[in-house]
Amino acid sequence: MNIGILYLKNRFNIVLRIFSEIIRVIGRKVVIFLALTFYQPL
């Protein structure tokens, strides 16, 4: 029981780290895209 909980916790931390990394990369791309879109003269 205890080992299972520890395993789940560890897995959750790994998934969270991967997820935050993906969000950071996507966020940077979105920010660059928005900046390029809004800085172009209409």
N, C-alpha and C. Protein backbone atom coordinates (compact mmCIF):
# COMPACT_ATOMS: atom_id res chain seq x y z
N MET A 1 0.84 -1.20 0.00
CA MET A 1 0.00 0.00 0.00
C MET A 1 0.88 1.26 0.00
N ASN A 2 1.82 1.29 0.93
CA ASN A 2 2.70 2.46 1.03
C ASN A 2 3.55 2.62 -0.22
N ILE A 3 4.07 1.49 -0.73
CA ILE A 3 4.91 1.52 -1.92
C ILE A 3 4.09 2.02 -3.12
N GLY A 4 2.83 1.57 -3.20
CA GLY A 4 1.96 2.01 -4.30
C GLY A 4 1.73 3.51 -4.28
N ILE A 5 1.49 4.05 -3.08
CA ILE A 5 1.27 5.49 -2.94
C ILE A 5 2.53 6.25 -3.33
N LEU A 6 3.68 5.76 -2.88
CA LEU A 6 4.95 6.40 -3.21
C LEU A 6 5.18 6.37 -4.71
N TYR A 7 4.86 5.24 -5.35
CA TYR A 7 5.03 5.09 -6.79
C TYR A 7 4.14 6.07 -7.55
N LEU A 8 2.89 6.18 -7.09
CA LEU A 8 1.95 7.10 -7.73
C LEU A 8 2.42 8.55 -7.59
N LYS A 9 2.92 8.88 -6.39
CA LYS A 9 3.40 10.23 -6.13
C LYS A 9 4.56 10.57 -7.05
N ASN A 10 5.51 9.61 -7.17
CA ASN A 10 6.68 9.81 -8.01
C ASN A 10 6.26 9.99 -9.47
N ARG A 11 5.33 9.14 -9.91
CA ARG A 11 4.84 9.21 -11.29
C ARG A 11 4.17 10.55 -11.54
N PHE A 12 3.37 11.00 -10.58
CA PHE A 12 2.66 12.27 -10.70
C PHE A 12 3.66 13.43 -10.83
N ASN A 13 4.73 13.38 -10.04
CA ASN A 13 5.76 14.43 -10.11
C ASN A 13 6.42 14.45 -11.48
N ILE A 14 6.71 13.28 -12.03
CA ILE A 14 7.34 13.19 -13.35
C ILE A 14 6.40 13.76 -14.42
N VAL A 15 5.14 13.36 -14.36
CA VAL A 15 4.15 13.85 -15.33
C VAL A 15 4.01 15.36 -15.21
N LEU A 16 3.99 15.87 -13.97
CA LEU A 16 3.85 17.30 -13.73
C LEU A 16 5.04 18.07 -14.32
N ARG A 17 6.24 17.50 -14.14
CA ARG A 17 7.44 18.16 -14.66
C ARG A 17 7.40 18.23 -16.18
N ILE A 18 7.03 17.11 -16.82
CA ILE A 18 6.94 17.06 -18.28
C ILE A 18 5.88 18.06 -18.77
N PHE A 19 4.75 18.09 -18.06
CA PHE A 19 3.63 18.96 -18.45
C PHE A 19 4.04 20.42 -18.35
N SER A 20 4.72 20.79 -17.26
CA SER A 20 5.13 22.19 -17.09
C SER A 20 6.16 22.58 -18.15
N GLU A 21 7.02 21.63 -18.51
CA GLU A 21 8.03 21.89 -19.55
C GLU A 21 7.34 22.16 -20.89
N ILE A 22 6.34 21.32 -21.23
CA ILE A 22 5.59 21.49 -22.48
C ILE A 22 4.87 22.83 -22.48
N ILE A 23 4.25 23.17 -21.34
CA ILE A 23 3.51 24.44 -21.25
C ILE A 23 4.46 25.62 -21.43
N ARG A 24 5.67 25.49 -20.86
CA ARG A 24 6.63 26.60 -21.00
C ARG A 24 7.02 26.78 -22.46
N VAL A 25 7.30 25.68 -23.17
CA VAL A 25 7.71 25.75 -24.58
C VAL A 25 6.57 26.32 -25.42
N ILE A 26 5.34 25.77 -25.22
CA ILE A 26 4.18 26.24 -25.99
C ILE A 26 3.90 27.70 -25.67
N GLY A 27 4.00 28.06 -24.38
CA GLY A 27 3.75 29.44 -23.96
C GLY A 27 4.70 30.41 -24.65
N ARG A 28 5.97 30.03 -24.74
CA ARG A 28 6.95 30.90 -25.39
C ARG A 28 6.60 31.08 -26.86
N LYS A 29 6.21 29.97 -27.52
CA LYS A 29 5.84 30.05 -28.94
C LYS A 29 4.60 30.94 -29.13
N VAL A 30 3.63 30.80 -28.23
CA VAL A 30 2.40 31.61 -28.32
C VAL A 30 2.73 33.08 -28.12
N VAL A 31 3.59 33.38 -27.14
CA VAL A 31 3.96 34.77 -26.88
C VAL A 31 4.66 35.37 -28.10
N ILE A 32 5.58 34.61 -28.71
CA ILE A 32 6.29 35.09 -29.90
C ILE A 32 5.30 35.31 -31.05
N PHE A 33 4.37 34.37 -31.22
CA PHE A 33 3.38 34.47 -32.28
C PHE A 33 2.50 35.71 -32.09
N LEU A 34 2.03 35.92 -30.85
CA LEU A 34 1.18 37.08 -30.56
C LEU A 34 1.96 38.38 -30.77
N ALA A 35 3.21 38.39 -30.35
CA ALA A 35 4.03 39.59 -30.52
C ALA A 35 4.20 39.91 -32.00
N LEU A 36 4.51 38.88 -32.81
CA LEU A 36 4.67 39.10 -34.25
C LEU A 36 3.36 39.56 -34.88
N THR A 37 2.24 39.00 -34.40
CA THR A 37 0.94 39.36 -34.97
C THR A 37 0.58 40.80 -34.64
N PHE A 38 0.83 41.20 -33.38
CA PHE A 38 0.37 42.53 -32.95
C PHE A 38 1.35 43.63 -33.32
N TYR A 39 2.62 43.30 -33.57
CA TYR A 39 3.59 44.34 -33.89
C TYR A 39 3.57 44.71 -35.36
N GLN A 40 2.90 43.90 -36.20
CA GLN A 40 2.82 44.23 -37.62
C GLN A 40 1.84 45.39 -37.82
N PRO A 41 2.22 46.40 -38.56
CA PRO A 41 1.32 47.52 -38.84
C PRO A 41 0.12 47.06 -39.66
N LEU A 42 -1.04 47.54 -39.31
CA LEU A 42 -2.26 47.13 -40.02
C LEU A 42 -2.41 47.89 -41.32
